């Protein structure tokens, strides 16, 4: 998926504006942040809010495209949680937008429940 997004971005974006593509692939861990073992997680997300955030961030200076996919349902250890991709002109354009996207997704869009 991420490689496909990168190919699509390279094909569809103005090559004079594309200098960096940053990607993230979150995976279900076997433990909570404090080290307790889990069997997996239940995950849901707000599709409308995700679309709004992507639309707003795509208007940021130096950003040429943003892609996001979030897995939903009952996930087991090793399953993908989410994939994010931000493309832009310079690292200094892409990294802050990527950080804002990831932070917003984790704090406002995704609802996770660990399964013990």
C-alpha atoms as a PDB file:
ATOM      1  CA  UNK A   1       0.000   0.000   0.000  1.00  0.00           C
ATOM      2  CA  UNK A   2       2.644   2.558   1.001  1.00  0.00           C
ATOM      3  CA  UNK A   3       4.824   1.769  -2.014  1.00  0.00           C
ATOM      4  CA  UNK A   4       1.749   2.098  -4.226  1.00  0.00           C
ATOM      5  CA  UNK A   5       0.972   5.480  -2.681  1.00  0.00           C
ATOM      6  CA  UNK A   6       4.541   6.599  -3.289  1.00  0.00           C
ATOM      7  CA  UNK A   7       4.374   5.500  -6.918  1.00  0.00           C
ATOM      8  CA  UNK A   8       1.042   7.307  -7.318  1.00  0.00           C
ATOM      9  CA  UNK A   9       2.378  10.505  -5.741  1.00  0.00           C
ATOM     10  CA  UNK A  10       5.488  10.446  -7.946  1.00  0.00           C
ATOM     11  CA  UNK A  11       3.338   9.870 -11.029  1.00  0.00           C
ATOM     12  CA  UNK A  12       0.653  12.475 -10.252  1.00  0.00           C
ATOM     13  CA  UNK A  13       2.514  15.345  -8.555  1.00  0.00           C
ATOM     14  CA  UNK A  14       4.562  18.090 -10.136  1.00  0.00           C
ATOM     15  CA  UNK A  15       8.127  16.725  -9.907  1.00  0.00           C
ATOM     16  CA  UNK A  16       9.377  20.261  -9.301  1.00  0.00           C
ATOM     17  CA  UNK A  17       7.416  20.322  -6.037  1.00  0.00           C
ATOM     18  CA  UNK A  18       8.200  16.823  -4.769  1.00  0.00           C
ATOM     19  CA  UNK A  19      11.345  16.348  -2.690  1.00  0.00           C
ATOM     20  CA  UNK A  20      10.320  14.104   0.200  1.00  0.00           C
ATOM     21  CA  UNK A  21       7.772  11.435   1.038  1.00  0.00           C
ATOM     22  CA  UNK A  22       7.481  10.437   4.691  1.00  0.00           C
ATOM     23  CA  UNK A  23       5.581   7.267   5.672  1.00  0.00           C
ATOM     24  CA  UNK A  24       4.404   5.566   8.862  1.00  0.00           C
ATOM     25  CA  UNK A  25       3.113   2.031   9.457  1.00  0.00           C
ATOM     26  CA  UNK A  26       1.747   1.496  12.984  1.00  0.00           C
ATOM     27  CA  UNK A  27       1.535  -2.111  14.172  1.00  0.00           C
ATOM     28  CA  UNK A  28      -0.247  -3.740  17.136  1.00  0.00           C
ATOM     29  CA  UNK A  29       2.336  -4.453  19.841  1.00  0.00           C
ATOM     30  CA  UNK A  30       2.246  -7.433  22.234  1.00  0.00           C
ATOM     31  CA  UNK A  31       2.278  -5.127  25.274  1.00  0.00           C
ATOM     32  CA  UNK A  32       0.732  -1.899  26.499  1.00  0.00           C
ATOM     33  CA  UNK A  33       2.922   1.181  26.866  1.00  0.00           C
ATOM     34  CA  UNK A  34       3.465   0.231  30.503  1.00  0.00           C
ATOM     35  CA  UNK A  35       4.495  -3.335  29.607  1.00  0.00           C
ATOM     36  CA  UNK A  36       1.326  -5.353  30.314  1.00  0.00           C
ATOM     37  CA  UNK A  37       0.731  -8.176  27.809  1.00  0.00           C
ATOM     38  CA  UNK A  38      -2.254  -7.889  25.451  1.00  0.00           C
ATOM     39  CA  UNK A  39      -3.985 -10.228  23.010  1.00  0.00           C
ATOM     40  CA  UNK A  40      -4.771  -7.431  20.571  1.00  0.00           C
ATOM     41  CA  UNK A  41      -6.949  -4.349  20.295  1.00  0.00           C
ATOM     42  CA  UNK A  42     -10.326  -3.086  19.123  1.00  0.00           C
ATOM     43  CA  UNK A  43     -10.033  -0.038  16.907  1.00  0.00           C
ATOM     44  CA  UNK A  44     -12.475   2.403  15.365  1.00  0.00           C
ATOM     45  CA  UNK A  45     -12.102   5.893  13.946  1.00  0.00           C
ATOM     46  CA  UNK A  46     -13.966   9.005  12.869  1.00  0.00           C
ATOM     47  CA  UNK A  47     -13.850   9.024   9.047  1.00  0.00           C
ATOM     48  CA  UNK A  48     -15.303  12.528   8.769  1.00  0.00           C
ATOM     49  CA  UNK A  49     -12.727  14.042  11.114  1.00  0.00           C
ATOM     50  CA  UNK A  50      -9.899  12.212   9.303  1.00  0.00           C
ATOM     51  CA  UNK A  51     -11.037  13.655   5.964  1.00  0.00           C
ATOM     52  CA  UNK A  52     -11.276  17.135   7.488  1.00  0.00           C
ATOM     53  CA  UNK A  53      -7.786  16.960   8.980  1.00  0.00           C
ATOM     54  CA  UNK A  54      -6.263  15.674   5.734  1.00  0.00           C
ATOM     55  CA  UNK A  55      -8.051  18.401   3.754  1.00  0.00           C
ATOM     56  CA  UNK A  56      -6.753  21.105   6.100  1.00  0.00           C
ATOM     57  CA  UNK A  57      -3.188  19.786   6.194  1.00  0.00           C
ATOM     58  CA  UNK A  58      -3.026  19.385   2.391  1.00  0.00           C
ATOM     59  CA  UNK A  59      -3.310  23.182   2.206  1.00  0.00           C
ATOM     60  CA  UNK A  60      -0.067  23.594   4.189  1.00  0.00           C
ATOM     61  CA  UNK A  61       2.830  25.263   2.441  1.00  0.00           C
ATOM     62  CA  UNK A  62       5.047  22.808   0.578  1.00  0.00           C
ATOM     63  CA  UNK A  63       2.678  19.818   0.879  1.00  0.00           C
ATOM     64  CA  UNK A  64       1.742  18.055  -2.350  1.00  0.00           C
ATOM     65  CA  UNK A  65      -0.254  15.076  -1.046  1.00  0.00           C
ATOM     66  CA  UNK A  66      -1.377  13.180   2.045  1.00  0.00           C
ATOM     67  CA  UNK A  67      -2.638   9.593   2.188  1.00  0.00           C
ATOM     68  CA  UNK A  68      -4.066   7.750   5.195  1.00  0.00           C
ATOM     69  CA  UNK A  69      -5.518   4.323   5.889  1.00  0.00           C
ATOM     70  CA  UNK A  70      -6.733   3.141   9.291  1.00  0.00           C
ATOM     71  CA  UNK A  71      -7.598  -0.464  10.071  1.00  0.00           C
ATOM     72  CA  UNK A  72     -10.825  -0.962  11.958  1.00  0.00           C
ATOM     73  CA  UNK A  73     -12.196  -3.817  14.005  1.00  0.00           C
ATOM     74  CA  UNK A  74     -10.609  -6.457  16.201  1.00  0.00           C
ATOM     75  CA  UNK A  75      -6.887  -6.542  15.532  1.00  0.00           C
ATOM     76  CA  UNK A  76      -4.348  -9.077  16.698  1.00  0.00           C
ATOM     77  CA  UNK A  77      -0.690  -8.654  17.553  1.00  0.00           C
ATOM     78  CA  UNK A  78       1.268  -7.840  14.415  1.00  0.00           C
ATOM     79  CA  UNK A  79      -1.702  -6.425  12.483  1.00  0.00           C
ATOM     80  CA  UNK A  80      -1.356  -3.027  10.872  1.00  0.00           C
ATOM     81  CA  UNK A  81      -3.107  -0.248  12.790  1.00  0.00           C
ATOM     82  CA  UNK A  82      -2.613   2.588  10.338  1.00  0.00           C
ATOM     83  CA  UNK A  83      -0.566   3.756   7.400  1.00  0.00           C
ATOM     84  CA  UNK A  84       0.133   7.432   6.774  1.00  0.00           C
ATOM     85  CA  UNK A  85       2.035   9.181   4.019  1.00  0.00           C
ATOM     86  CA  UNK A  86       2.859  12.880   3.640  1.00  0.00           C
ATOM     87  CA  UNK A  87       4.634  14.209   0.547  1.00  0.00           C
ATOM     88  CA  UNK A  88       6.056  17.634  -0.056  1.00  0.00           C
ATOM     89  CA  UNK A  89       8.829  19.825  -1.293  1.00  0.00           C
ATOM     90  CA  UNK A  90      11.252  19.934   1.628  1.00  0.00           C
ATOM     91  CA  UNK A  91      11.814  17.981   4.841  1.00  0.00           C
ATOM     92  CA  UNK A  92      11.072  21.187   6.759  1.00  0.00           C
ATOM     93  CA  UNK A  93       7.614  21.266   5.110  1.00  0.00           C
ATOM     94  CA  UNK A  94       6.808  17.577   5.452  1.00  0.00           C
ATOM     95  CA  UNK A  95       7.938  16.640   8.969  1.00  0.00           C
ATOM     96  CA  UNK A  96       5.843  19.168  10.950  1.00  0.00           C
ATOM     97  CA  UNK A  97       2.730  18.302   8.929  1.00  0.00           C
ATOM     98  CA  UNK A  98       3.404  14.594   9.364  1.00  0.00           C
ATOM     99  CA  UNK A  99       3.824  15.061  13.125  1.00  0.00           C
ATOM    100  CA  UNK A 100       0.567  17.014  13.345  1.00  0.00           C
ATOM    101  CA  UNK A 101      -1.275  14.383  11.294  1.00  0.00           C
ATOM    102  CA  UNK A 102      -0.006  11.485  13.418  1.00  0.00           C
ATOM    103  CA  UNK A 103      -0.645  13.286  16.709  1.00  0.00           C
ATOM    104  CA  UNK A 104      -4.160  14.290  15.665  1.00  0.00           C
ATOM    105  CA  UNK A 105      -5.008  10.806  14.421  1.00  0.00           C
ATOM    106  CA  UNK A 106      -3.797   9.211  17.664  1.00  0.00           C
ATOM    107  CA  UNK A 107      -5.400  11.750  20.013  1.00  0.00           C
ATOM    108  CA  UNK A 108      -8.638  12.788  18.269  1.00  0.00           C
ATOM    109  CA  UNK A 109      -9.572  10.388  15.475  1.00  0.00           C
ATOM    110  CA  UNK A 110      -8.726   6.811  16.510  1.00  0.00           C
ATOM    111  CA  UNK A 111     -10.402   5.025  19.408  1.00  0.00           C
ATOM    112  CA  UNK A 112      -8.327   2.102  20.677  1.00  0.00           C
ATOM    113  CA  UNK A 113      -9.268  -0.478  23.281  1.00  0.00           C
ATOM    114  CA  UNK A 114      -6.681  -3.026  24.339  1.00  0.00           C
ATOM    115  CA  UNK A 115      -7.841  -6.650  24.573  1.00  0.00           C
ATOM    116  CA  UNK A 116      -6.363  -8.560  27.521  1.00  0.00           C
END
